Every structure is written in C-alpha cells, then in structure tokens.
Amino acid sequence: MLHDFYDSDPKRGFYGGGGIDARFLYQPAILALWGGLPPDTPRWGAGFKSSMARYFNYSMPLLSHATCLPLERNMIDLDPEVKDAWGLPAIRVTFEQHPDDLKTLRFKWPLPVEETTFSAHLMGTCRMGNDPRTSVVDRFNRTHDVPNLFIVDGSSLVTCGRQQPTATIQALAYRAADHITERPERPERR
C-alpha cells in the first residue's frame, strides 16, 4: 500500500487523497476476467492455457483507495414501480459522485476515469447520528425507530476516509457489543 498521496493538499484543487494498493492475483481466472492478458491472447484452448501460464506469475493489479464524499441526494429507497420476484417494491439506488471524487481519481490514475459503478465496501445507507430525522442509527449502532435493533456494518459510515474501512467497522461492532452486554436487563431504548 502506497500512502504518498493519502493527505489532502489544497494546491491540487480538490479535497481528496487516498492510497494505491498493489496485490497479487489469487486465481488465474481473475487475470483473464480483469483483462490482464495481451489483447491478441486466445480466449480458449491451448493458446489461452499457454498465455495464462506465461503471464500469471508476472501480473498484479493496482487498485486505488479513495473516498466517495457524501451527497445528500444519494440514497437507497423502494422503487414505486419495479417489483421483485415476490411482488414487493424493489430496491432503487440513487448515486452520483461528488466532483472531488472524480478529481481525486484523475489525479491518481492515468487511465480514463468514469463514474464509480461498484465498490468493495458499501457504506452510507444507515447514517450514524443523534438526530432521528437525519440518521438511522445512534452512536452505538442502535436504530432510532426500532427498539433494540442494532445495525453493525459499514452502512453507518458515510465515507471511508480514504482508507479501508474494515478496522473502523470492527471497532464500532465491538463498541455496539459492549453497549448491548452492559444493558441486557434494560429493554428501553437508551
């Protein structure tokens, strides 16, 4: 992990920063799926097998860790028209990247940058906060509207802070567990 560009620098003209992560490939199939083989590589048969044997041990992906800054209009709700297999409203995702997100990516990545369409760490759907009008869970990850329901995952974080969020999620889970075990005999909300 390279953190040379982790900190924000106002001279860059945008807020963000982040890490650059180099990893080895776990399976040969990932090399083929991620487009890591030369363009003229056969996609099947002996030529494909030979290329995989040749290139797999000399390949690694570079990933960029950045942050999607929160926007108030980004949300997940129920679609009023689309139904799932059981006839219930389907989930609808409304997402737009903050302009600084794209500036950060263009600064760190020489290839064309497009809007993000996937993420390894999904966050922000159950915002943490004190006000039930603007958040879903309190500081212990307990929901404001359903007594003693705790949501302990990345959804309470509105951003990952330009880094892998796993350790923060684990810390919040430990804190929620401590809160739950301190008050097992008290069914009230707080």
C-alpha atoms as a PDB file:
ATOM      1  CA  MET A   1       0.000   0.000   0.000  1.00  0.00           C
ATOM      2  CA  LEU A   2       1.391   3.357  -1.039  1.00  0.00           C
ATOM      3  CA  HIS A   3       0.195   6.330   1.015  1.00  0.00           C
ATOM      4  CA  ASP A   4       2.236   9.062  -0.669  1.00  0.00           C
ATOM      5  CA  PHE A   5      -0.976  10.799  -1.775  1.00  0.00           C
ATOM      6  CA  TYR A   6      -3.168   9.990   1.240  1.00  0.00           C
ATOM      7  CA  ASP A   7      -3.315  13.503   2.681  1.00  0.00           C
ATOM      8  CA  SER A   8      -5.301  16.282   1.080  1.00  0.00           C
ATOM      9  CA  ASP A   9      -3.281  19.061  -0.462  1.00  0.00           C
ATOM     10  CA  PRO A  10      -5.180  22.296  -1.264  1.00  0.00           C
ATOM     11  CA  LYS A  11      -2.688  23.022  -4.058  1.00  0.00           C
ATOM     12  CA  ARG A  12      -4.185  20.106  -6.010  1.00  0.00           C
ATOM     13  CA  GLY A  13      -7.532  21.884  -6.280  1.00  0.00           C
ATOM     14  CA  PHE A  14      -9.640  19.197  -4.627  1.00  0.00           C
ATOM     15  CA  TYR A  15     -10.247  17.727  -1.191  1.00  0.00           C
ATOM     16  CA  GLY A  16      -9.404  14.058  -1.549  1.00  0.00           C
ATOM     17  CA  GLY A  17      -6.444  11.779  -1.356  1.00  0.00           C
ATOM     18  CA  GLY A  18      -6.046   8.062  -0.854  1.00  0.00           C
ATOM     19  CA  GLY A  19      -3.848   5.033  -1.238  1.00  0.00           C
ATOM     20  CA  ILE A  20      -2.586   2.976  -4.127  1.00  0.00           C
ATOM     21  CA  ASP A  21      -2.686  -0.733  -3.451  1.00  0.00           C
ATOM     22  CA  ALA A  22      -0.729  -3.444  -5.289  1.00  0.00           C
ATOM     23  CA  ARG A  23      -1.897  -7.034  -4.846  1.00  0.00           C
ATOM     24  CA  PHE A  24      -1.069 -10.401  -6.289  1.00  0.00           C
ATOM     25  CA  LEU A  25      -3.780 -12.276  -8.130  1.00  0.00           C
ATOM     26  CA  TYR A  26      -5.342 -15.128  -6.188  1.00  0.00           C
ATOM     27  CA  GLN A  27      -6.617 -17.166  -9.108  1.00  0.00           C
ATOM     28  CA  PRO A  28      -5.547 -17.336 -12.746  1.00  0.00           C
ATOM     29  CA  ALA A  29      -9.157 -16.778 -13.831  1.00  0.00           C
ATOM     30  CA  ILE A  30      -9.075 -13.295 -12.287  1.00  0.00           C
ATOM     31  CA  LEU A  31      -6.227 -12.368 -14.652  1.00  0.00           C
ATOM     32  CA  ALA A  32      -8.383 -13.338 -17.623  1.00  0.00           C
ATOM     33  CA  LEU A  33     -11.534 -11.660 -16.281  1.00  0.00           C
ATOM     34  CA  TRP A  34      -9.820  -8.363 -15.401  1.00  0.00           C
ATOM     35  CA  GLY A  35      -8.351  -8.076 -18.859  1.00  0.00           C
ATOM     36  CA  GLY A  36      -4.759  -8.570 -17.771  1.00  0.00           C
ATOM     37  CA  LEU A  37      -3.784 -10.643 -20.782  1.00  0.00           C
ATOM     38  CA  PRO A  38      -2.491  -9.132 -24.037  1.00  0.00           C
ATOM     39  CA  PRO A  39      -5.347  -8.246 -26.417  1.00  0.00           C
ATOM     40  CA  ASP A  40      -4.358 -10.861 -29.012  1.00  0.00           C
ATOM     41  CA  THR A  41      -4.496 -13.726 -26.466  1.00  0.00           C
ATOM     42  CA  PRO A  42      -6.812 -16.566 -27.494  1.00  0.00           C
ATOM     43  CA  ARG A  43      -9.771 -16.828 -25.122  1.00  0.00           C
ATOM     44  CA  TRP A  44      -9.935 -20.617 -25.139  1.00  0.00           C
ATOM     45  CA  GLY A  45      -7.862 -23.713 -25.760  1.00  0.00           C
ATOM     46  CA  ALA A  46      -4.127 -24.382 -25.790  1.00  0.00           C
ATOM     47  CA  GLY A  47      -3.162 -20.788 -26.688  1.00  0.00           C
ATOM     48  CA  PHE A  48      -5.165 -19.458 -23.755  1.00  0.00           C
ATOM     49  CA  LYS A  49      -3.632 -22.013 -21.388  1.00  0.00           C
ATOM     50  CA  SER A  50      -0.128 -21.177 -22.604  1.00  0.00           C
ATOM     51  CA  SER A  51      -0.698 -17.429 -22.135  1.00  0.00           C
ATOM     52  CA  MET A  52      -2.080 -17.949 -18.647  1.00  0.00           C
ATOM     53  CA  ALA A  53       0.974 -19.996 -17.693  1.00  0.00           C
ATOM     54  CA  ARG A  54       3.268 -17.340 -19.101  1.00  0.00           C
ATOM     55  CA  TYR A  55       1.631 -14.154 -17.704  1.00  0.00           C
ATOM     56  CA  PHE A  56       0.008 -15.184 -14.400  1.00  0.00           C
ATOM     57  CA  ASN A  57       3.214 -15.180 -12.324  1.00  0.00           C
ATOM     58  CA  TYR A  58       4.204 -11.767 -13.702  1.00  0.00           C
ATOM     59  CA  SER A  59       0.955  -9.913 -13.155  1.00  0.00           C
ATOM     60  CA  MET A  60      -0.575  -7.861 -10.377  1.00  0.00           C
ATOM     61  CA  PRO A  61      -3.414  -5.374 -10.240  1.00  0.00           C
ATOM     62  CA  LEU A  62      -3.068  -1.844  -8.906  1.00  0.00           C
ATOM     63  CA  LEU A  63      -6.080  -0.522  -7.057  1.00  0.00           C
ATOM     64  CA  SER A  64      -6.854   2.979  -5.899  1.00  0.00           C
ATOM     65  CA  HIS A  65      -8.395   3.579  -2.483  1.00  0.00           C
ATOM     66  CA  ALA A  66     -10.304   6.814  -2.457  1.00  0.00           C
ATOM     67  CA  THR A  67     -13.427   8.191  -0.859  1.00  0.00           C
ATOM     68  CA  CYS A  68     -16.860   8.885  -2.225  1.00  0.00           C
ATOM     69  CA  LEU A  69     -17.780  12.086  -0.418  1.00  0.00           C
ATOM     70  CA  PRO A  70     -21.385  12.003   0.801  1.00  0.00           C
ATOM     71  CA  LEU A  71     -24.087  13.811  -1.132  1.00  0.00           C
ATOM     72  CA  GLU A  72     -27.497  14.365   0.441  1.00  0.00           C
ATOM     73  CA  ARG A  73     -29.318  13.223  -2.723  1.00  0.00           C
ATOM     74  CA  ASN A  74     -27.585   9.815  -2.771  1.00  0.00           C
ATOM     75  CA  MET A  75     -29.903   7.242  -1.255  1.00  0.00           C
ATOM     76  CA  ILE A  76     -31.455   3.818  -1.318  1.00  0.00           C
ATOM     77  CA  ASP A  77     -35.234   3.622  -1.328  1.00  0.00           C
ATOM     78  CA  LEU A  78     -38.042   1.450  -2.643  1.00  0.00           C
ATOM     79  CA  ASP A  79     -38.877   1.829  -6.314  1.00  0.00           C
ATOM     80  CA  PRO A  80     -42.526   2.847  -6.764  1.00  0.00           C
ATOM     81  CA  GLU A  81     -42.861   0.840  -9.991  1.00  0.00           C
ATOM     82  CA  VAL A  82     -40.324  -2.024 -10.152  1.00  0.00           C
ATOM     83  CA  LYS A  83     -41.248  -5.164  -8.179  1.00  0.00           C
ATOM     84  CA  ASP A  84     -39.117  -8.100  -7.081  1.00  0.00           C
ATOM     85  CA  ALA A  85     -39.930 -11.811  -7.634  1.00  0.00           C
ATOM     86  CA  TRP A  86     -42.435 -11.723  -4.743  1.00  0.00           C
ATOM     87  CA  GLY A  87     -44.252  -8.630  -5.978  1.00  0.00           C
ATOM     88  CA  LEU A  88     -42.686  -6.327  -3.396  1.00  0.00           C
ATOM     89  CA  PRO A  89     -41.111  -2.978  -4.304  1.00  0.00           C
ATOM     90  CA  ALA A  90     -37.522  -3.442  -5.469  1.00  0.00           C
ATOM     91  CA  ILE A  91     -34.604  -1.524  -4.028  1.00  0.00           C
ATOM     92  CA  ARG A  92     -33.636   1.573  -6.004  1.00  0.00           C
ATOM     93  CA  VAL A  93     -30.142   3.047  -5.698  1.00  0.00           C
ATOM     94  CA  THR A  94     -29.666   6.743  -6.473  1.00  0.00           C
ATOM     95  CA  PHE A  95     -25.964   7.574  -6.623  1.00  0.00           C
ATOM     96  CA  GLU A  96     -23.899  10.384  -8.057  1.00  0.00           C
ATOM     97  CA  GLN A  97     -20.249  11.009  -7.345  1.00  0.00           C
ATOM     98  CA  HIS A  98     -19.069  14.216  -5.753  1.00  0.00           C
ATOM     99  CA  PRO A  99     -16.974  16.242  -8.234  1.00  0.00           C
ATOM    100  CA  ASP A 100     -13.988  15.971  -5.872  1.00  0.00           C
ATOM    101  CA  ASP A 101     -14.133  12.162  -6.101  1.00  0.00           C
ATOM    102  CA  LEU A 102     -13.543  12.289  -9.842  1.00  0.00           C
ATOM    103  CA  LYS A 103     -10.776  14.903  -9.465  1.00  0.00           C
ATOM    104  CA  THR A 104      -9.048  12.628  -6.941  1.00  0.00           C
ATOM    105  CA  LEU A 105      -9.240   9.660  -9.291  1.00  0.00           C
ATOM    106  CA  ARG A 106      -7.938  11.667 -12.253  1.00  0.00           C
ATOM    107  CA  PHE A 107      -5.017  12.845 -10.129  1.00  0.00           C
ATOM    108  CA  LYS A 108      -4.088   9.282  -9.120  1.00  0.00           C
ATOM    109  CA  TRP A 109      -4.896   7.331 -12.255  1.00  0.00           C
ATOM    110  CA  PRO A 110      -3.602   7.889 -15.808  1.00  0.00           C
ATOM    111  CA  LEU A 111      -6.338   5.838 -17.489  1.00  0.00           C
ATOM    112  CA  PRO A 112      -9.752   7.329 -18.338  1.00  0.00           C
ATOM    113  CA  VAL A 113     -11.847   7.809 -15.214  1.00  0.00           C
ATOM    114  CA  GLU A 114     -15.561   7.071 -15.187  1.00  0.00           C
ATOM    115  CA  GLU A 115     -18.277   7.287 -12.561  1.00  0.00           C
ATOM    116  CA  THR A 116     -17.919   4.526  -9.976  1.00  0.00           C
ATOM    117  CA  THR A 117     -20.280   1.640 -10.623  1.00  0.00           C
ATOM    118  CA  PHE A 118     -19.062  -0.780  -7.962  1.00  0.00           C
ATOM    119  CA  SER A 119     -17.382  -0.835  -4.588  1.00  0.00           C
ATOM    120  CA  ALA A 120     -15.776  -3.434  -2.400  1.00  0.00           C
ATOM    121  CA  HIS A 121     -17.005  -1.625   0.718  1.00  0.00           C
ATOM    122  CA  LEU A 122     -20.595  -0.430   0.640  1.00  0.00           C
ATOM    123  CA  MET A 123     -21.316   2.366   3.088  1.00  0.00           C
ATOM    124  CA  GLY A 124     -23.687   5.159   3.895  1.00  0.00           C
ATOM    125  CA  THR A 125     -27.167   3.641   3.739  1.00  0.00           C
ATOM    126  CA  CYS A 126     -27.820   3.810   7.517  1.00  0.00           C
ATOM    127  CA  ARG A 127     -26.113   7.026   8.623  1.00  0.00           C
ATOM    128  CA  MET A 128     -25.000   7.324  12.249  1.00  0.00           C
ATOM    129  CA  GLY A 129     -26.090  10.365  14.224  1.00  0.00           C
ATOM    130  CA  ASN A 130     -28.023  11.777  17.158  1.00  0.00           C
ATOM    131  CA  ASP A 131     -30.965  13.163  15.180  1.00  0.00           C
ATOM    132  CA  PRO A 132     -33.537  10.568  14.023  1.00  0.00           C
ATOM    133  CA  ARG A 133     -34.612  12.963  11.238  1.00  0.00           C
ATOM    134  CA  THR A 134     -31.177  12.814   9.580  1.00  0.00           C
ATOM    135  CA  SER A 135     -29.765   9.455  10.694  1.00  0.00           C
ATOM    136  CA  VAL A 136     -30.793   5.821  11.064  1.00  0.00           C
ATOM    137  CA  VAL A 137     -28.621   4.623  13.974  1.00  0.00           C
ATOM    138  CA  ASP A 138     -27.241   6.263  17.121  1.00  0.00           C
ATOM    139  CA  ARG A 139     -23.595   6.217  18.287  1.00  0.00           C
ATOM    140  CA  PHE A 140     -23.982   2.592  19.412  1.00  0.00           C
ATOM    141  CA  ASN A 141     -25.432   1.491  16.039  1.00  0.00           C
ATOM    142  CA  ARG A 142     -28.903   1.118  17.564  1.00  0.00           C
ATOM    143  CA  THR A 143     -31.714   2.160  15.230  1.00  0.00           C
ATOM    144  CA  HIS A 144     -33.727   5.211  16.178  1.00  0.00           C
ATOM    145  CA  ASP A 145     -37.084   3.744  15.133  1.00  0.00           C
ATOM    146  CA  VAL A 146     -36.942   0.039  16.086  1.00  0.00           C
ATOM    147  CA  PRO A 147     -36.157  -0.613  19.764  1.00  0.00           C
ATOM    148  CA  ASN A 148     -33.061  -2.738  20.356  1.00  0.00           C
ATOM    149  CA  LEU A 149     -32.306  -3.343  16.687  1.00  0.00           C
ATOM    150  CA  PHE A 150     -28.604  -2.839  16.004  1.00  0.00           C
ATOM    151  CA  ILE A 151     -27.142  -2.464  12.510  1.00  0.00           C
ATOM    152  CA  VAL A 152     -23.433  -3.166  12.752  1.00  0.00           C
ATOM    153  CA  ASP A 153     -21.755  -2.951   9.366  1.00  0.00           C
ATOM    154  CA  GLY A 154     -20.357  -0.318   7.046  1.00  0.00           C
ATOM    155  CA  SER A 155     -23.723   1.289   6.393  1.00  0.00           C
ATOM    156  CA  SER A 156     -23.392   3.668   9.358  1.00  0.00           C
ATOM    157  CA  LEU A 157     -20.298   5.278   7.806  1.00  0.00           C
ATOM    158  CA  VAL A 158     -20.977   7.989   5.238  1.00  0.00           C
ATOM    159  CA  THR A 159     -17.404   7.769   3.927  1.00  0.00           C
ATOM    160  CA  CYS A 160     -14.387   5.533   4.397  1.00  0.00           C
ATOM    161  CA  GLY A 161     -11.949   8.386   4.996  1.00  0.00           C
ATOM    162  CA  ARG A 162      -9.761   7.430   2.005  1.00  0.00           C
ATOM    163  CA  GLN A 163      -8.883   4.075   3.534  1.00  0.00           C
ATOM    164  CA  GLN A 164     -10.011   0.512   4.062  1.00  0.00           C
ATOM    165  CA  PRO A 165     -12.958   0.763   6.493  1.00  0.00           C
ATOM    166  CA  THR A 166     -12.754  -2.756   7.951  1.00  0.00           C
ATOM    167  CA  ALA A 167     -10.912  -1.866  11.168  1.00  0.00           C
ATOM    168  CA  THR A 168     -13.326   1.010  11.866  1.00  0.00           C
ATOM    169  CA  ILE A 169     -16.323  -1.262  11.267  1.00  0.00           C
ATOM    170  CA  GLN A 170     -14.840  -3.829  13.660  1.00  0.00           C
ATOM    171  CA  ALA A 171     -14.229  -1.165  16.327  1.00  0.00           C
ATOM    172  CA  LEU A 172     -17.825   0.061  16.030  1.00  0.00           C
ATOM    173  CA  ALA A 173     -19.055  -3.540  16.276  1.00  0.00           C
ATOM    174  CA  TYR A 174     -17.065  -4.084  19.487  1.00  0.00           C
ATOM    175  CA  ARG A 175     -18.461  -0.846  20.920  1.00  0.00           C
ATOM    176  CA  ALA A 176     -22.022  -1.865  19.999  1.00  0.00           C
ATOM    177  CA  ALA A 177     -21.469  -5.299  21.576  1.00  0.00           C
ATOM    178  CA  ASP A 178     -20.181  -3.696  24.776  1.00  0.00           C
ATOM    179  CA  HIS A 179     -23.252  -1.451  24.865  1.00  0.00           C
ATOM    180  CA  ILE A 180     -25.575  -4.423  24.320  1.00  0.00           C
ATOM    181  CA  THR A 181     -23.951  -6.559  27.034  1.00  0.00           C
ATOM    182  CA  GLU A 182     -23.864  -3.692  29.564  1.00  0.00           C
ATOM    183  CA  ARG A 183     -27.660  -3.366  29.446  1.00  0.00           C
ATOM    184  CA  PRO A 184     -29.158  -6.835  28.835  1.00  0.00           C
ATOM    185  CA  GLU A 185     -31.805  -6.385  31.514  1.00  0.00           C
ATOM    186  CA  ARG A 186     -32.960  -2.978  30.196  1.00  0.00           C
ATOM    187  CA  PRO A 187     -35.344  -3.261  27.239  1.00  0.00           C
ATOM    188  CA  GLU A 188     -35.834   0.510  26.916  1.00  0.00           C
ATOM    189  CA  ARG A 189     -34.249   2.369  24.057  1.00  0.00           C
ATOM    190  CA  ARG A 190     -31.446   4.295  25.767  1.00  0.00           C
END
